PDB file of N, CA and C in Angstrom:
ATOM      1  N   MET A   1      15.444 -19.194  -7.567  1.00  0.00           N
ATOM      2  CA  MET A   1      15.732 -17.910  -6.756  1.00  0.00           C
ATOM      3  C   MET A   1      15.721 -18.004  -5.385  1.00  0.00           C
ATOM      4  N   ASN A   2      16.327 -17.444  -4.437  1.00  0.00           N
ATOM      5  CA  ASN A   2      15.921 -17.642  -3.075  1.00  0.00           C
ATOM      6  C   ASN A   2      14.752 -17.618  -2.761  1.00  0.00           C
ATOM      7  N   ARG A   3      14.384 -18.168  -1.715  1.00  0.00           N
ATOM      8  CA  ARG A   3      13.108 -18.046  -1.435  1.00  0.00           C
ATOM      9  C   ARG A   3      12.968 -16.759  -0.557  1.00  0.00           C
ATOM     10  N   MET A   4      13.916 -16.303   0.206  1.00  0.00           N
ATOM     11  CA  MET A   4      13.434 -15.058   0.816  1.00  0.00           C
ATOM     12  C   MET A   4      13.286 -13.502  -0.175  1.00  0.00           C
ATOM     13  N   LEU A   5      14.399 -13.776  -1.057  1.00  0.00           N
ATOM     14  CA  LEU A   5      14.058 -12.937  -2.319  1.00  0.00           C
ATOM     15  C   LEU A   5      12.857 -13.057  -2.826  1.00  0.00           C
ATOM     16  N   GLN A   6      12.357 -13.907  -3.041  1.00  0.00           N
ATOM     17  CA  GLN A   6      10.774 -14.208  -3.826  1.00  0.00           C
ATOM     18  C   GLN A   6       9.416 -13.295  -3.091  1.00  0.00           C
ATOM     19  N   LEU A   7       9.828 -13.710  -1.526  1.00  0.00           N
ATOM     20  CA  LEU A   7       9.144 -13.088  -0.271  1.00  0.00           C
ATOM     21  C   LEU A   7       9.020 -11.849  -0.473  1.00  0.00           C
ATOM     22  N   LEU A   8      10.312 -11.303  -0.705  1.00  0.00           N
ATOM     23  CA  LEU A   8      10.592 -10.051  -0.290  1.00  0.00           C
ATOM     24  C   LEU A   8       9.954  -9.307  -1.628  1.00  0.00           C
ATOM     25  N   ASN A   9      10.149  -9.862  -2.601  1.00  0.00           N
ATOM     26  CA  ASN A   9       9.645  -9.319  -4.276  1.00  0.00           C
ATOM     27  C   ASN A   9       7.983  -9.565  -3.790  1.00  0.00           C
ATOM     28  N   ILE A  10       7.330 -10.441  -3.566  1.00  0.00           N
ATOM     29  CA  ILE A  10       5.938 -10.325  -3.407  1.00  0.00           C
ATOM     30  C   ILE A  10       5.250  -9.449  -2.561  1.00  0.00           C
ATOM     31  N   LEU A  11       6.055  -9.327  -1.177  1.00  0.00           N
ATOM     32  CA  LEU A  11       5.517  -8.227  -0.120  1.00  0.00           C
ATOM     33  C   LEU A  11       5.451  -6.749  -0.840  1.00  0.00           C
ATOM     34  N   GLN A  12       6.839  -6.745  -1.543  1.00  0.00           N
ATOM     35  CA  GLN A  12       7.032  -5.436  -2.152  1.00  0.00           C
ATOM     36  C   GLN A  12       6.021  -5.021  -3.398  1.00  0.00           C
ATOM     37  N   LEU A  13       5.474  -5.900  -4.124  1.00  0.00           N
ATOM     38  CA  LEU A  13       4.591  -6.026  -5.389  1.00  0.00           C
ATOM     39  C   LEU A  13       3.139  -5.453  -4.348  1.00  0.00           C
ATOM     40  N   VAL A  14       2.591  -6.499  -3.307  1.00  0.00           N
ATOM     41  CA  VAL A  14       1.905  -6.023  -2.998  1.00  0.00           C
ATOM     42  C   VAL A  14       1.418  -4.676  -2.424  1.00  0.00           C
ATOM     43  N   PHE A  15       2.415  -3.943  -1.609  1.00  0.00           N
ATOM     44  CA  PHE A  15       2.480  -2.962  -1.334  1.00  0.00           C
ATOM     45  C   PHE A  15       2.526  -1.613  -2.245  1.00  0.00           C
ATOM     46  N   TYR A  16       2.940  -2.202  -3.304  1.00  0.00           N
ATOM     47  CA  TYR A  16       3.329  -1.428  -4.356  1.00  0.00           C
ATOM     48  C   TYR A  16       1.928  -1.024  -4.977  1.00  0.00           C
ATOM     49  N   ILE A  17       0.968  -1.823  -5.009  1.00  0.00           N
ATOM     50  CA  ILE A  17      -0.180  -2.159  -5.686  1.00  0.00           C
ATOM     51  C   ILE A  17      -0.880  -1.212  -4.852  1.00  0.00           C
ATOM     52  N   GLY A  18      -0.764  -1.840  -3.601  1.00  0.00           N
ATOM     53  CA  GLY A  18      -2.003  -1.340  -2.512  1.00  0.00           C
ATOM     54  C   GLY A  18      -1.336   0.504  -2.517  1.00  0.00           C
ATOM     55  N   LEU A  19      -0.351   1.014  -2.843  1.00  0.00           N
ATOM     56  CA  LEU A  19      -0.042   2.201  -2.687  1.00  0.00           C
ATOM     57  C   LEU A  19      -0.786   2.830  -4.364  1.00  0.00           C
ATOM     58  N   LEU A  20      -0.655   2.534  -5.183  1.00  0.00           N
ATOM     59  CA  LEU A  20      -1.168   3.011  -6.291  1.00  0.00           C
ATOM     60  C   LEU A  20      -2.128   3.001  -6.165  1.00  0.00           C
ATOM     61  N   ALA A  21      -3.271   1.879  -5.676  1.00  0.00           N
ATOM     62  CA  ALA A  21      -4.546   1.896  -5.549  1.00  0.00           C
ATOM     63  C   ALA A  21      -5.127   3.188  -4.849  1.00  0.00           C
ATOM     64  N   MET A  22      -4.457   3.382  -3.751  1.00  0.00           N
ATOM     65  CA  MET A  22      -4.485   4.400  -3.003  1.00  0.00           C
ATOM     66  C   MET A  22      -4.277   6.053  -3.333  1.00  0.00           C
ATOM     67  N   VAL A  23      -3.533   6.387  -4.469  1.00  0.00           N
ATOM     68  CA  VAL A  23      -2.993   7.365  -5.234  1.00  0.00           C
ATOM     69  C   VAL A  23      -4.166   7.046  -5.974  1.00  0.00           C
ATOM     70  N   GLY A  24      -4.691   6.485  -6.671  1.00  0.00           N
ATOM     71  CA  GLY A  24      -5.596   6.338  -7.820  1.00  0.00           C
ATOM     72  C   GLY A  24      -6.618   6.813  -7.394  1.00  0.00           C
ATOM     73  N   GLN A  25      -7.539   6.151  -5.928  1.00  0.00           N
ATOM     74  CA  GLN A  25      -8.623   6.818  -5.257  1.00  0.00           C
ATOM     75  C   GLN A  25      -8.640   8.096  -4.606  1.00  0.00           C
ATOM     76  N   GLY A  26      -7.256   8.620  -4.451  1.00  0.00           N
ATOM     77  CA  GLY A  26      -7.317   9.986  -3.910  1.00  0.00           C
ATOM     78  C   GLY A  26      -7.272  11.047  -4.866  1.00  0.00           C
ATOM     79  N   LEU A  27      -6.746  10.468  -6.076  1.00  0.00           N
ATOM     80  CA  LEU A  27      -6.844  11.387  -7.205  1.00  0.00           C
ATOM     81  C   LEU A  27      -8.244  11.525  -7.854  1.00  0.00           C
ATOM     82  N   LEU A  28      -9.176  10.234  -7.761  1.00  0.00           N
ATOM     83  CA  LEU A  28     -10.613  10.031  -8.254  1.00  0.00           C
ATOM     84  C   LEU A  28     -11.409  11.290  -7.527  1.00  0.00           C
ATOM     85  N   PHE A  29     -11.232  10.967  -5.825  1.00  0.00           N
ATOM     86  CA  PHE A  29     -11.667  11.520  -4.972  1.00  0.00           C
ATOM     87  C   PHE A  29     -11.795  13.382  -4.960  1.00  0.00           C
ATOM     88  N   VAL A  30     -10.398  13.643  -5.869  1.00  0.00           N
ATOM     89  CA  VAL A  30     -10.643  15.251  -5.965  1.00  0.00           C
ATOM     90  C   VAL A  30     -10.988  15.570  -7.532  1.00  0.00           C
ATOM     91  N   LEU A  31     -10.686  14.344  -8.684  1.00  0.00           N
ATOM     92  CA  LEU A  31     -11.447  15.095  -9.845  1.00  0.00           C
ATOM     93  C   LEU A  31     -12.542  14.694 -10.073  1.00  0.00           C
ATOM     94  N   ALA A  32     -13.509  14.039  -9.272  1.00  0.00           N
ATOM     95  CA  ALA A  32     -14.591  13.232  -9.888  1.00  0.00           C
ATOM     96  C   ALA A  32     -15.688  14.216  -8.966  1.00  0.00           C
ATOM     97  N   GLY A  33     -15.368  14.427  -7.567  1.00  0.00           N
ATOM     98  CA  GLY A  33     -16.081  15.555  -7.285  1.00  0.00           C
ATOM     99  C   GLY A  33     -17.132  14.651  -6.506  1.00  0.00           C
ATOM    100  N   GLN A  34     -18.408  15.063  -6.597  1.00  0.00           N
ATOM    101  CA  GLN A  34     -19.625  14.513  -5.820  1.00  0.00           C
ATOM    102  C   GLN A  34     -19.974  12.952  -6.410  1.00  0.00           C
ATOM    103  N   LYS A  35     -19.773  12.994  -7.946  1.00  0.00           N
ATOM    104  CA  LYS A  35     -20.257  11.830  -8.211  1.00  0.00           C
ATOM    105  C   LYS A  35     -19.738  10.808  -8.257  1.00  0.00           C
ATOM    106  N   ARG A  36     -18.371  11.238  -7.203  1.00  0.00           N
ATOM    107  CA  ARG A  36     -17.058   9.806  -7.259  1.00  0.00           C
ATOM    108  C   ARG A  36     -18.064   8.413  -6.657  1.00  0.00           C
ATOM    109  N   ASP A  37     -18.799   8.406  -6.407  1.00  0.00           N
ATOM    110  CA  ASP A  37     -19.561   7.324  -5.547  1.00  0.00           C
ATOM    111  C   ASP A  37     -20.242   6.120  -6.821  1.00  0.00           C
ATOM    112  N   ALA A  38     -20.463   6.860  -8.024  1.00  0.00           N
ATOM    113  CA  ALA A  38     -20.675   6.363  -8.905  1.00  0.00           C
ATOM    114  C   ALA A  38     -20.012   6.349 -10.243  1.00  0.00           C
ATOM    115  N   ASN A  39     -19.147   6.554  -9.716  1.00  0.00           N
ATOM    116  CA  ASN A  39     -17.443   6.146 -10.640  1.00  0.00           C
ATOM    117  C   ASN A  39     -17.518   4.912 -10.366  1.00  0.00           C
ATOM    118  N   LEU A  40     -16.930   3.854 -11.523  1.00  0.00           N
ATOM    119  CA  LEU A  40     -16.967   2.762 -11.298  1.00  0.00           C
ATOM    120  C   LEU A  40     -15.249   2.432 -11.137  1.00  0.00           C
ATOM    121  N   PHE A  41     -14.698   3.489 -11.251  1.00  0.00           N
ATOM    122  CA  PHE A  41     -13.350   3.432 -11.238  1.00  0.00           C
ATOM    123  C   PHE A  41     -12.674   3.286  -9.699  1.00  0.00           C
ATOM    124  N   TYR A  42     -13.409   4.376  -9.424  1.00  0.00           N
ATOM    125  CA  TYR A  42     -13.416   5.009  -7.863  1.00  0.00           C
ATOM    126  C   TYR A  42     -13.652   3.547  -6.900  1.00  0.00           C
ATOM    127  N   GLN A  43     -15.160   2.900  -7.243  1.00  0.00           N
ATOM    128  CA  GLN A  43     -15.615   1.491  -6.704  1.00  0.00           C
ATOM    129  C   GLN A  43     -14.537   0.755  -6.345  1.00  0.00           C
ATOM    130  N   LEU A  44     -13.646   0.297  -7.736  1.00  0.00           N
ATOM    131  CA  LEU A  44     -12.704  -0.558  -7.731  1.00  0.00           C
ATOM    132  C   LEU A  44     -11.864  -0.683  -7.029  1.00  0.00           C
ATOM    133  N   PHE A  45     -11.215   1.088  -6.785  1.00  0.00           N
ATOM    134  CA  PHE A  45     -10.514   1.806  -5.851  1.00  0.00           C
ATOM    135  C   PHE A  45     -10.792   1.114  -4.558  1.00  0.00           C
ATOM    136  N   GLN A  46     -12.026   1.362  -4.123  1.00  0.00           N
ATOM    137  CA  GLN A  46     -12.251   1.354  -3.053  1.00  0.00           C
ATOM    138  C   GLN A  46     -12.035   0.120  -2.248  1.00  0.00           C
ATOM    139  N   ILE A  47     -12.742  -1.456  -3.487  1.00  0.00           N
ATOM    140  CA  ILE A  47     -12.800  -2.315  -3.249  1.00  0.00           C
ATOM    141  C   ILE A  47     -11.011  -3.087  -2.851  1.00  0.00           C
ATOM    142  N   LEU A  48     -10.301  -2.581  -3.767  1.00  0.00           N
ATOM    143  CA  LEU A  48      -9.033  -2.843  -3.281  1.00  0.00           C
ATOM    144  C   LEU A  48      -8.343  -2.300  -2.170  1.00  0.00           C
ATOM    145  N   ASN A  49      -8.880  -0.965  -1.801  1.00  0.00           N
ATOM    146  CA  ASN A  49      -8.132  -0.559  -0.609  1.00  0.00           C
ATOM    147  C   ASN A  49      -8.674  -0.935   0.695  1.00  0.00           C
ATOM    148  N   LYS A  50      -9.909  -1.535   0.845  1.00  0.00           N
ATOM    149  CA  LYS A  50     -10.664  -2.066   1.880  1.00  0.00           C
ATOM    150  C   LYS A  50     -10.032  -2.748   2.737  1.00  0.00           C
ATOM    151  N   PRO A  51      -8.891  -3.608   2.496  1.00  0.00           N
ATOM    152  CA  PRO A  51      -7.812  -4.505   3.378  1.00  0.00           C
ATOM    153  C   PRO A  51      -6.943  -3.580   4.428  1.00  0.00           C
ATOM    154  N   TRP A  52      -6.586  -2.344   3.753  1.00  0.00           N
ATOM    155  CA  TRP A  52      -5.615  -1.270   3.838  1.00  0.00           C
ATOM    156  C   TRP A  52      -6.452  -0.349   5.079  1.00  0.00           C
ATOM    157  N   THR A  53      -7.346  -0.045   4.487  1.00  0.00           N
ATOM    158  CA  THR A  53      -7.866   0.962   5.506  1.00  0.00           C
ATOM    159  C   THR A  53      -8.506   0.417   6.705  1.00  0.00           C
ATOM    160  N   ALA A  54      -9.242  -0.794   6.591  1.00  0.00           N
ATOM    161  CA  ALA A  54      -9.545  -1.731   7.752  1.00  0.00           C
ATOM    162  C   ALA A  54      -8.554  -2.054   8.941  1.00  0.00           C
ATOM    163  N   LEU A  55      -7.062  -2.209   7.988  1.00  0.00           N
ATOM    164  CA  LEU A  55      -5.984  -2.236   9.014  1.00  0.00           C
ATOM    165  C   LEU A  55      -5.727  -0.962   9.444  1.00  0.00           C
ATOM    166  N   ALA A  56      -5.642   0.352   8.915  1.00  0.00           N
ATOM    167  CA  ALA A  56      -5.412   1.405   9.413  1.00  0.00           C
ATOM    168  C   ALA A  56      -6.186   1.769  10.331  1.00  0.00           C
ATOM    169  N   ARG A  57      -7.648   1.228  10.393  1.00  0.00           N
ATOM    170  CA  ARG A  57      -8.817   1.564  11.498  1.00  0.00           C
ATOM    171  C   ARG A  57      -8.246   0.803  12.562  1.00  0.00           C
ATOM    172  N   TRP A  58      -7.729  -0.384  12.455  1.00  0.00           N
ATOM    173  CA  TRP A  58      -7.923  -1.321  13.497  1.00  0.00           C
ATOM    174  C   TRP A  58      -6.270  -0.572  14.213  1.00  0.00           C
ATOM    175  N   VAL A  59      -5.244  -0.190  13.527  1.00  0.00           N
ATOM    176  CA  VAL A  59      -3.987   0.196  14.392  1.00  0.00           C
ATOM    177  C   VAL A  59      -4.112   1.648  14.704  1.00  0.00           C
ATOM    178  N   ALA A  60      -4.699   2.907  14.196  1.00  0.00           N
ATOM    179  CA  ALA A  60      -5.060   4.089  14.437  1.00  0.00           C
ATOM    180  C   ALA A  60      -5.788   4.126  15.779  1.00  0.00           C
ATOM    181  N   PRO A  61      -5.208   5.264  16.799  1.00  0.00           N
ATOM    182  CA  PRO A  61      -6.265   5.236  17.855  1.00  0.00           C
ATOM    183  C   PRO A  61      -7.418   5.764  17.615  1.00  0.00           C
ATOM    184  N   LYS A  62      -8.603   5.603  18.641  1.00  0.00           N
ATOM    185  CA  LYS A  62      -9.706   5.933  17.945  1.00  0.00           C
ATOM    186  C   LYS A  62     -10.198   7.490  18.019  1.00  0.00           C
ATOM    187  N   ARG A  63      -9.406   8.164  18.352  1.00  0.00           N
ATOM    188  CA  ARG A  63      -9.176   9.691  18.314  1.00  0.00           C
ATOM    189  C   ARG A  63      -9.185  10.183  16.825  1.00  0.00           C
ATOM    190  N   VAL A  64      -8.632   9.238  16.231  1.00  0.00           N
ATOM    191  CA  VAL A  64      -8.577   9.686  14.669  1.00  0.00           C
ATOM    192  C   VAL A  64     -10.078   9.633  13.915  1.00  0.00           C
ATOM    193  N   ALA A  65     -10.433  10.652  12.912  1.00  0.00           N
ATOM    194  CA  ALA A  65     -11.399  10.923  12.644  1.00  0.00           C
ATOM    195  C   ALA A  65     -11.523   9.744  11.414  1.00  0.00           C
ATOM    196  N   LEU A  66     -13.075   9.187  11.035  1.00  0.00           N
ATOM    197  CA  LEU A  66     -12.967   8.203  10.092  1.00  0.00           C
ATOM    198  C   LEU A  66     -12.590   8.826   9.041  1.00  0.00           C
ATOM    199  N   GLN A  67     -12.594   9.992   8.602  1.00  0.00           N
ATOM    200  CA  GLN A  67     -12.302  10.682   7.070  1.00  0.00           C
ATOM    201  C   GLN A  67     -10.766  10.451   7.007  1.00  0.00           C
ATOM    202  N   HIS A  68     -10.106  10.482   8.292  1.00  0.00           N
ATOM    203  CA  HIS A  68      -8.698  10.454   8.047  1.00  0.00           C
ATOM    204  C   HIS A  68      -8.102   9.252   8.108  1.00  0.00           C
ATOM    205  N   VAL A  69      -8.469   8.164   8.373  1.00  0.00           N
ATOM    206  CA  VAL A  69      -8.333   6.438   8.458  1.00  0.00           C
ATOM    207  C   VAL A  69      -7.591   6.181   6.807  1.00  0.00           C
ATOM    208  N   PRO A  70      -7.977   6.717   5.873  1.00  0.00           N
ATOM    209  CA  PRO A  70      -7.246   6.563   4.236  1.00  0.00           C
ATOM    210  C   PRO A  70      -6.145   7.202   4.484  1.00  0.00           C
ATOM    211  N   TRP A  71      -5.894   8.201   5.056  1.00  0.00           N
ATOM    212  CA  TRP A  71      -4.420   8.479   5.215  1.00  0.00           C
ATOM    213  C   TRP A  71      -3.342   7.956   5.934  1.00  0.00           C
ATOM    214  N   VAL A  72      -3.882   7.260   6.940  1.00  0.00           N
ATOM    215  CA  VAL A  72      -3.319   6.591   7.895  1.00  0.00           C
ATOM    216  C   VAL A  72      -3.073   5.255   7.246  1.00  0.00           C
ATOM    217  N   GLY A  73      -3.780   4.590   6.450  1.00  0.00           N
ATOM    218  CA  GLY A  73      -4.094   3.578   5.235  1.00  0.00           C
ATOM    219  C   GLY A  73      -2.633   3.906   4.332  1.00  0.00           C
ATOM    220  N   PHE A  74      -2.310   4.885   4.305  1.00  0.00           N
ATOM    221  CA  PHE A  74      -1.614   5.296   2.811  1.00  0.00           C
ATOM    222  C   PHE A  74      -0.059   5.414   3.431  1.00  0.00           C
ATOM    223  N   PHE A  75       0.108   6.442   4.701  1.00  0.00           N
ATOM    224  CA  PHE A  75       1.204   6.322   5.323  1.00  0.00           C
ATOM    225  C   PHE A  75       1.582   5.229   5.963  1.00  0.00           C
ATOM    226  N   MET A  76       0.741   4.352   6.304  1.00  0.00           N
ATOM    227  CA  MET A  76       1.058   3.088   6.793  1.00  0.00           C
ATOM    228  C   MET A  76       1.637   1.992   5.505  1.00  0.00           C
ATOM    229  N   LEU A  77       1.368   2.169   4.447  1.00  0.00           N
ATOM    230  CA  LEU A  77       2.098   1.621   3.242  1.00  0.00           C
ATOM    231  C   LEU A  77       3.029   1.761   2.552  1.00  0.00           C
ATOM    232  N   CYS A  78       3.294   3.249   2.853  1.00  0.00           N
ATOM    233  CA  CYS A  78       4.530   3.920   2.492  1.00  0.00           C
ATOM    234  C   CYS A  78       5.489   3.182   3.278  1.00  0.00           C
ATOM    235  N   VAL A  79       5.305   3.335   4.463  1.00  0.00           N
ATOM    236  CA  VAL A  79       6.328   2.719   5.594  1.00  0.00           C
ATOM    237  C   VAL A  79       6.547   1.266   5.286  1.00  0.00           C
ATOM    238  N   LEU A  80       5.413   0.345   5.050  1.00  0.00           N
ATOM    239  CA  LEU A  80       5.615  -1.138   5.130  1.00  0.00           C
ATOM    240  C   LEU A  80       6.674  -1.132   3.735  1.00  0.00           C
ATOM    241  N   TYR A  81       6.256  -0.400   2.686  1.00  0.00           N
ATOM    242  CA  TYR A  81       6.949  -0.785   1.411  1.00  0.00           C
ATOM    243  C   TYR A  81       8.582  -0.012   1.822  1.00  0.00           C
ATOM    244  N   LEU A  82       8.937   0.834   1.824  1.00  0.00           N
ATOM    245  CA  LEU A  82       9.875   1.120   2.616  1.00  0.00           C
ATOM    246  C   LEU A  82      11.100   0.062   3.417  1.00  0.00           C
ATOM    247  N   ALA A  83      10.069   0.103   4.196  1.00  0.00           N
ATOM    248  CA  ALA A  83      10.693  -1.330   4.941  1.00  0.00           C
ATOM    249  C   ALA A  83      11.170  -2.366   4.423  1.00  0.00           C
ATOM    250  N   VAL A  84       9.989  -3.158   3.613  1.00  0.00           N
ATOM    251  CA  VAL A  84      10.710  -4.127   2.622  1.00  0.00           C
ATOM    252  C   VAL A  84      11.600  -4.082   1.614  1.00  0.00           C
ATOM    253  N   THR A  85      11.443  -3.014   1.176  1.00  0.00           N
ATOM    254  CA  THR A  85      12.685  -2.463   0.197  1.00  0.00           C
ATOM    255  C   THR A  85      13.686  -2.185   0.784  1.00  0.00           C
ATOM    256  N   LEU A  86      14.164  -1.947   2.271  1.00  0.00           N
ATOM    257  CA  LEU A  86      15.196  -1.795   2.655  1.00  0.00           C
ATOM    258  C   LEU A  86      15.528  -3.243   3.277  1.00  0.00           C
ATOM    259  N   ALA A  87      14.789  -3.746   3.862  1.00  0.00           N
ATOM    260  CA  ALA A  87      15.272  -5.718   3.910  1.00  0.00           C
ATOM    261  C   ALA A  87      15.440  -6.118   2.765  1.00  0.00           C
ATOM    262  N   LYS A  88      14.904  -5.918   1.479  1.00  0.00           N
ATOM    263  CA  LYS A  88      15.301  -6.204   0.290  1.00  0.00           C
ATOM    264  C   LYS A  88      16.796  -5.943  -0.431  1.00  0.00           C
ATOM    265  N   ILE A  89      17.258  -4.794   0.168  1.00  0.00           N
ATOM    266  CA  ILE A  89      18.268  -4.417  -0.254  1.00  0.00           C
ATOM    267  C   ILE A  89      19.594  -5.016   0.868  1.00  0.00           C
ATOM    268  N   GLU A  90      19.113  -4.989   1.842  1.00  0.00           N
ATOM    269  CA  GLU A  90      20.271  -5.802   2.937  1.00  0.00           C
ATOM    270  C   GLU A  90      20.365  -7.468   2.708  1.00  0.00           C
ATOM    271  N   HIS A  91      19.184  -7.865   2.264  1.00  0.00           N
ATOM    272  CA  HIS A  91      19.130  -9.153   2.047  1.00  0.00           C
ATOM    273  C   HIS A  91      20.515  -9.585   0.615  1.00  0.00           C
ATOM    274  N   CYS A  92      20.450  -8.728  -0.606  1.00  0.00           N
ATOM    275  CA  CYS A  92      20.961  -8.676  -1.378  1.00  0.00           C
ATOM    276  C   CYS A  92      22.171  -8.426  -1.361  1.00  0.00           C
ATOM    277  N   ILE A  93      22.756  -7.613  -0.443  1.00  0.00           N
ATOM    278  CA  ILE A  93      23.716  -7.209   0.136  1.00  0.00           C
ATOM    279  C   ILE A  93      24.615  -8.461   1.024  1.00  0.00           C
ATOM    280  N   GLY A  94      23.846  -9.248   1.248  1.00  0.00           N
ATOM    281  CA  GLY A  94      24.057 -10.075   2.506  1.00  0.00           C
ATOM    282  C   GLY A  94      24.613 -11.350   1.589  1.00  0.00           C
ATOM    283  N   VAL A  95      24.123 -11.445   0.617  1.00  0.00           N
ATOM    284  CA  VAL A  95      23.902 -12.852  -0.289  1.00  0.00           C
ATOM    285  C   VAL A  95      24.898 -12.516  -1.551  1.00  0.00           C
ATOM    286  N   ALA A  96      25.656 -11.309  -1.393  1.00  0.00           N
ATOM    287  CA  ALA A  96      26.770 -10.962  -2.570  1.00  0.00           C
ATOM    288  C   ALA A  96      26.006 -11.045  -3.842  1.00  0.00           C
ATOM    289  N   MET A  97      24.651 -10.434  -3.964  1.00  0.00           N
ATOM    290  CA  MET A  97      24.090  -9.891  -5.070  1.00  0.00           C
ATOM    291  C   MET A  97      23.806 -11.377  -5.635  1.00  0.00           C
ATOM    292  N   GLN A  98      23.813 -12.190  -5.006  1.00  0.00           N
ATOM    293  CA  GLN A  98      23.567 -13.777  -5.748  1.00  0.00           C
ATOM    294  C   GLN A  98      21.853 -13.839  -6.143  1.00  0.00           C
ATOM    295  N   GLY A  99      21.374 -13.561  -7.371  1.00  0.00           N
ATOM    296  CA  GLY A  99      20.204 -13.555  -7.519  1.00  0.00           C
ATOM    297  C   GLY A  99      19.275 -12.665  -7.901  1.00  0.00           C
ATOM    298  N   CYS A 100      19.761 -11.550  -7.584  1.00  0.00           N
ATOM    299  CA  CYS A 100      19.228 -10.043  -6.859  1.00  0.00           C
ATOM    300  C   CYS A 100      19.164  -9.532  -8.833  1.00  0.00           C
ATOM    301  N   ARG A 101      19.766  -9.926  -9.627  1.00  0.00           N
ATOM    302  CA  ARG A 101      20.159  -9.123 -10.433  1.00  0.00           C
ATOM    303  C   ARG A 101      18.726  -8.805 -11.737  1.00  0.00           C
TER     304      ARG A 101
END
């Protein structure tokens, strides 16, 4: 398999896992209510999302409130996932679909 395709697949998977963890944490935020901090899965999602929220806090302007930083991280992950997916499509078209099936 082509190294570029392998790199794009790995990046796509990392961003996809991050997106799913963000969605899971958001759902538990709503469903678990005030007891969410004691929820084991909510804590796991917080650990998985810590790199993305830290990156979002670094990228976002200082005017963004702390409670909105996870939203910035979520949309940042959406954009990154979309960019990698489009790069993967472009790469596969460029190599005439060799190894992309």
